[in-house]
Amino acid sequence: MVTGVSPLFSAWCAVNRQSLTGIVYGEDQCLTVDEAMRVITYNHAWLEHQDDVRSTIEIGKWADFTVLEEEATQEIREHLKDIRIEGTDIMIN
C-alpha cells in the first residue's frame, strides 16, 4: 500500500459504493455490513495464510480483536467509516 488504509473506511466503500458527489455505482454489488466485516477480518487472515491462528473466536487461536464504540450493523451503514475504535487487543497462546 502507498498509504495507510482504514479497514472501516474500506468496509464503508464496499457497503455504500458511493462517490464523493453521492452517486452510488453498482448498487446491486454493494456488500452487506456483515459481509464487509467478514472481508476485513476472516478473509484478510485467509489471504495472509493466518486463518489457522486468527480470524475467528476459537480455542487455540490468538485473541485478536477490536472494540468499536458501536455495533456495525446494516442500519448504520452510512456512517460505518465514522465509528470510533475504542481499543484493540492481541493475546497469543
C-alpha atoms as a PDB file:
ATOM      1  CA  MET A   1       0.000   0.000   0.000  1.00  0.00           C
ATOM      2  CA  VAL A   2       1.140   3.523  -0.749  1.00  0.00           C
ATOM      3  CA  THR A   3      -0.924   4.987   2.078  1.00  0.00           C
ATOM      4  CA  GLY A   4      -2.475   3.599   5.213  1.00  0.00           C
ATOM      5  CA  VAL A   5      -5.974   2.232   4.751  1.00  0.00           C
ATOM      6  CA  SER A   6      -8.641   2.227   7.425  1.00  0.00           C
ATOM      7  CA  PRO A   7     -10.431  -1.144   7.443  1.00  0.00           C
ATOM      8  CA  LEU A   8     -13.703   0.555   8.432  1.00  0.00           C
ATOM      9  CA  PHE A   9     -13.356   3.018   5.546  1.00  0.00           C
ATOM     10  CA  SER A  10     -12.748   0.111   3.171  1.00  0.00           C
ATOM     11  CA  ALA A  11     -15.833  -1.625   4.573  1.00  0.00           C
ATOM     12  CA  TRP A  12     -17.854   1.595   4.153  1.00  0.00           C
ATOM     13  CA  CYS A  13     -16.766   1.797   0.496  1.00  0.00           C
ATOM     14  CA  ALA A  14     -17.795  -1.803  -0.191  1.00  0.00           C
ATOM     15  CA  VAL A  15     -21.148  -1.366   1.562  1.00  0.00           C
ATOM     16  CA  ASN A  16     -22.113   2.004   0.064  1.00  0.00           C
ATOM     17  CA  ARG A  17     -20.200   2.193  -3.260  1.00  0.00           C
ATOM     18  CA  GLN A  18     -20.744   5.942  -3.200  1.00  0.00           C
ATOM     19  CA  SER A  19     -18.717   8.630  -4.986  1.00  0.00           C
ATOM     20  CA  LEU A  20     -17.682  11.920  -3.410  1.00  0.00           C
ATOM     21  CA  THR A  21     -20.657  13.532  -5.151  1.00  0.00           C
ATOM     22  CA  GLY A  22     -23.097  10.993  -3.705  1.00  0.00           C
ATOM     23  CA  ILE A  23     -23.616   8.839  -6.797  1.00  0.00           C
ATOM     24  CA  VAL A  24     -23.952   5.121  -5.996  1.00  0.00           C
ATOM     25  CA  TYR A  25     -22.192   2.904  -8.529  1.00  0.00           C
ATOM     26  CA  GLY A  26     -23.283  -0.720  -8.931  1.00  0.00           C
ATOM     27  CA  GLU A  27     -25.900  -0.675  -6.177  1.00  0.00           C
ATOM     28  CA  ASP A  28     -26.625  -4.342  -6.864  1.00  0.00           C
ATOM     29  CA  GLN A  29     -22.978  -5.085  -5.995  1.00  0.00           C
ATOM     30  CA  CYS A  30     -22.990  -3.455  -2.535  1.00  0.00           C
ATOM     31  CA  LEU A  31     -21.920  -5.773   0.265  1.00  0.00           C
ATOM     32  CA  THR A  32     -23.949  -6.025   3.449  1.00  0.00           C
ATOM     33  CA  VAL A  33     -22.266  -4.792   6.621  1.00  0.00           C
ATOM     34  CA  ASP A  34     -21.905  -8.406   7.776  1.00  0.00           C
ATOM     35  CA  GLU A  35     -20.191  -9.343   4.500  1.00  0.00           C
ATOM     36  CA  ALA A  36     -17.860  -6.343   4.753  1.00  0.00           C
ATOM     37  CA  MET A  37     -16.913  -7.207   8.343  1.00  0.00           C
ATOM     38  CA  ARG A  38     -16.048 -10.743   7.225  1.00  0.00           C
ATOM     39  CA  VAL A  39     -13.880  -9.346   4.412  1.00  0.00           C
ATOM     40  CA  ILE A  40     -11.798  -7.210   6.806  1.00  0.00           C
ATOM     41  CA  THR A  41     -11.474  -9.992   9.396  1.00  0.00           C
ATOM     42  CA  TYR A  42     -11.645 -13.629   8.251  1.00  0.00           C
ATOM     43  CA  ASN A  43     -10.931 -13.069   4.555  1.00  0.00           C
ATOM     44  CA  HIS A  44      -7.954 -10.832   5.366  1.00  0.00           C
ATOM     45  CA  ALA A  45      -6.453 -13.520   7.616  1.00  0.00           C
ATOM     46  CA  TRP A  46      -7.090 -16.139   4.925  1.00  0.00           C
ATOM     47  CA  LEU A  47      -5.235 -14.033   2.326  1.00  0.00           C
ATOM     48  CA  GLU A  48      -2.262 -13.831   4.693  1.00  0.00           C
ATOM     49  CA  HIS A  49      -2.410 -17.599   5.339  1.00  0.00           C
ATOM     50  CA  GLN A  50      -3.092 -16.898   9.027  1.00  0.00           C
ATOM     51  CA  ASP A  51      -6.664 -18.168   9.276  1.00  0.00           C
ATOM     52  CA  ASP A  52      -5.375 -21.130  11.279  1.00  0.00           C
ATOM     53  CA  VAL A  53      -4.216 -18.831  14.119  1.00  0.00           C
ATOM     54  CA  ARG A  54      -6.554 -15.805  13.899  1.00  0.00           C
ATOM     55  CA  SER A  55      -9.768 -14.502  12.282  1.00  0.00           C
ATOM     56  CA  THR A  56     -12.383 -16.394  14.299  1.00  0.00           C
ATOM     57  CA  ILE A  57     -13.036 -16.850  18.004  1.00  0.00           C
ATOM     58  CA  GLU A  58     -11.912 -20.407  18.725  1.00  0.00           C
ATOM     59  CA  ILE A  59      -9.856 -22.251  21.309  1.00  0.00           C
ATOM     60  CA  GLY A  60      -6.218 -22.309  20.250  1.00  0.00           C
ATOM     61  CA  LYS A  61      -6.364 -19.151  18.135  1.00  0.00           C
ATOM     62  CA  TRP A  62      -4.994 -15.726  19.020  1.00  0.00           C
ATOM     63  CA  ALA A  63      -7.395 -13.458  20.879  1.00  0.00           C
ATOM     64  CA  ASP A  64      -7.025 -10.762  18.234  1.00  0.00           C
ATOM     65  CA  PHE A  65      -9.928  -8.329  18.352  1.00  0.00           C
ATOM     66  CA  THR A  66     -11.043  -4.716  18.055  1.00  0.00           C
ATOM     67  CA  VAL A  67     -13.654  -2.990  20.202  1.00  0.00           C
ATOM     68  CA  LEU A  68     -15.818  -0.444  18.371  1.00  0.00           C
ATOM     69  CA  GLU A  69     -17.785   2.369  20.031  1.00  0.00           C
ATOM     70  CA  GLU A  70     -20.976   0.977  18.484  1.00  0.00           C
ATOM     71  CA  GLU A  71     -22.058  -2.180  16.718  1.00  0.00           C
ATOM     72  CA  ALA A  72     -21.522  -2.253  12.964  1.00  0.00           C
ATOM     73  CA  THR A  73     -24.999  -3.006  11.607  1.00  0.00           C
ATOM     74  CA  GLN A  74     -26.839  -2.555   8.338  1.00  0.00           C
ATOM     75  CA  GLU A  75     -28.885   0.258   9.922  1.00  0.00           C
ATOM     76  CA  ILE A  76     -25.801   2.465  10.399  1.00  0.00           C
ATOM     77  CA  ARG A  77     -24.078   1.606   7.104  1.00  0.00           C
ATOM     78  CA  GLU A  78     -23.982   5.271   6.013  1.00  0.00           C
ATOM     79  CA  HIS A  79     -21.595   6.192   8.830  1.00  0.00           C
ATOM     80  CA  LEU A  80     -19.689   2.918   9.148  1.00  0.00           C
ATOM     81  CA  LYS A  81     -16.437   4.768   8.350  1.00  0.00           C
ATOM     82  CA  ASP A  82     -17.011   7.130  11.285  1.00  0.00           C
ATOM     83  CA  ILE A  83     -17.279   4.508  14.034  1.00  0.00           C
ATOM     84  CA  ARG A  84     -14.565   5.164  16.600  1.00  0.00           C
ATOM     85  CA  ILE A  85     -12.238   2.336  17.596  1.00  0.00           C
ATOM     86  CA  GLU A  86     -12.256   2.007  21.391  1.00  0.00           C
ATOM     87  CA  GLY A  87      -9.289  -0.343  21.504  1.00  0.00           C
ATOM     88  CA  THR A  88      -7.560  -3.434  20.209  1.00  0.00           C
ATOM     89  CA  ASP A  89      -6.115  -6.467  21.928  1.00  0.00           C
ATOM     90  CA  ILE A  90      -3.901  -9.321  20.804  1.00  0.00           C
ATOM     91  CA  MET A  91      -3.213 -12.235  23.107  1.00  0.00           C
ATOM     92  CA  ILE A  92      -1.136 -15.067  21.696  1.00  0.00           C
ATOM     93  CA  ASN A  93      -1.221 -18.613  23.113  1.00  0.00           C
END
